Amino acid sequence: NDAPKYNRLRWHIAMLYPWVVFGKVETPDPSSKKITAYCDKVLKTLLNEEYIENFKTCQRIIDSIEMPTDDQIKRGKYTSELKEAAEKFLNK
């Protein structure tokens, strides 16, 4: 169980999770009509066993780059690197 390792990255996982669900690094504008369907699909995955594989995919994306220090976690550079890693991973 690697939960403690990823606990400090929970907000980054929250960013990654919808991208993993949809298979692309893209989020509709919050004022868009598409946002409700987008959120509904993400929530639906959390209500069944599908979430387990999605979280494992998030972990694989995180593991594909260097684990950040506590200081690096707070910086935009790590978030940008994680976004790039997600794009590469999801575009395979």
Protein backbone atom coordinates (compact mmCIF):
# COMPACT_ATOMS: atom_id res chain seq x y z
CA ASN A 1 0.00 0.00 0.00
CA ASP A 2 1.63 3.22 -1.21
CA ALA A 3 -1.07 5.56 0.09
CA PRO A 4 1.27 7.54 2.40
CA LYS A 5 3.66 8.14 -0.51
CA TYR A 6 0.89 9.70 -2.61
CA ASN A 7 -1.04 11.41 0.19
CA ARG A 8 1.06 14.55 -0.06
CA LEU A 9 0.24 14.66 -3.79
CA ARG A 10 -3.54 14.37 -3.27
CA TRP A 11 -4.27 17.71 -4.98
CA HIS A 12 -2.16 16.70 -7.95
CA ILE A 13 -4.04 13.39 -8.10
CA ALA A 14 -7.30 15.36 -8.05
CA MET A 15 -6.00 17.26 -11.08
CA LEU A 16 -4.90 14.06 -12.88
CA TYR A 17 -7.94 11.91 -12.15
CA PRO A 18 -10.42 13.52 -14.60
CA TRP A 19 -7.77 13.49 -17.32
CA VAL A 20 -7.27 9.76 -16.75
CA VAL A 21 -11.04 9.18 -16.89
CA PHE A 22 -11.28 10.96 -20.25
CA GLY A 23 -7.90 9.85 -21.58
CA LYS A 24 -6.79 13.38 -22.42
CA VAL A 25 -5.41 16.46 -20.68
CA GLU A 26 -8.39 18.68 -21.23
CA THR A 27 -11.07 20.17 -18.99
CA PRO A 28 -14.12 22.07 -20.20
CA ASP A 29 -14.51 25.66 -19.10
CA PRO A 30 -16.48 25.77 -15.81
CA SER A 31 -19.12 28.00 -17.42
CA SER A 32 -19.49 25.64 -20.39
CA LYS A 33 -22.58 23.49 -20.85
CA LYS A 34 -20.25 20.48 -21.16
CA ILE A 35 -19.01 20.75 -17.57
CA THR A 36 -22.03 19.01 -16.01
CA ALA A 37 -21.67 15.91 -18.19
CA TYR A 38 -17.90 15.99 -17.62
CA CYS A 39 -18.30 16.04 -13.83
CA ASP A 40 -21.06 13.41 -13.93
CA LYS A 41 -18.77 11.00 -15.77
CA VAL A 42 -15.94 11.56 -13.30
CA LEU A 43 -18.29 11.06 -10.34
CA LYS A 44 -19.75 7.90 -11.89
CA THR A 45 -16.27 6.32 -12.01
CA LEU A 46 -15.90 6.94 -8.28
CA LEU A 47 -19.05 4.94 -7.54
CA ASN A 48 -17.72 1.62 -8.85
CA GLU A 49 -14.50 -0.36 -8.98
CA GLU A 50 -13.29 1.63 -12.00
CA TYR A 51 -11.74 4.20 -9.67
CA ILE A 52 -9.09 1.71 -8.52
CA GLU A 53 -7.54 1.40 -11.98
CA ASN A 54 -7.86 5.15 -12.54
CA PHE A 55 -5.96 5.89 -9.33
CA LYS A 56 -3.30 3.32 -10.29
CA THR A 57 -2.90 5.15 -13.60
CA CYS A 58 -2.52 8.44 -11.71
CA GLN A 59 0.20 6.81 -9.62
CA ARG A 60 2.00 5.56 -12.75
CA ILE A 61 1.95 9.08 -14.20
CA ILE A 62 3.35 10.50 -10.94
CA ASP A 63 6.01 7.78 -10.86
CA SER A 64 7.08 8.60 -14.42
CA ILE A 65 8.77 11.79 -13.20
CA GLU A 66 10.98 12.51 -10.23
CA MET A 67 9.18 12.59 -6.86
CA PRO A 68 9.16 16.22 -5.70
CA THR A 69 10.50 17.53 -2.42
CA ASP A 70 8.03 19.22 -0.07
CA ASP A 71 9.20 22.57 -1.42
CA GLN A 72 8.91 21.55 -5.09
CA ILE A 73 5.35 20.28 -4.59
CA LYS A 74 4.20 23.86 -4.01
CA ARG A 75 5.74 25.23 -7.19
CA GLY A 76 4.14 25.56 -10.58
CA LYS A 77 7.10 23.85 -12.23
CA TYR A 78 6.18 20.47 -10.72
CA THR A 79 2.55 20.89 -11.80
CA SER A 80 3.71 21.71 -15.34
CA GLU A 81 6.01 18.68 -15.40
CA LEU A 82 3.19 16.48 -14.17
CA LYS A 83 0.86 17.84 -16.84
CA GLU A 84 3.47 17.09 -19.52
CA ALA A 85 3.93 13.58 -18.12
CA ALA A 86 0.15 13.05 -18.23
CA GLU A 87 0.01 14.20 -21.86
CA LYS A 88 2.78 11.77 -22.83
CA PHE A 89 1.23 8.90 -20.88
CA LEU A 90 -2.30 9.42 -22.16
CA ASN A 91 -1.21 9.94 -25.77
CA LYS A 92 0.54 6.55 -25.98
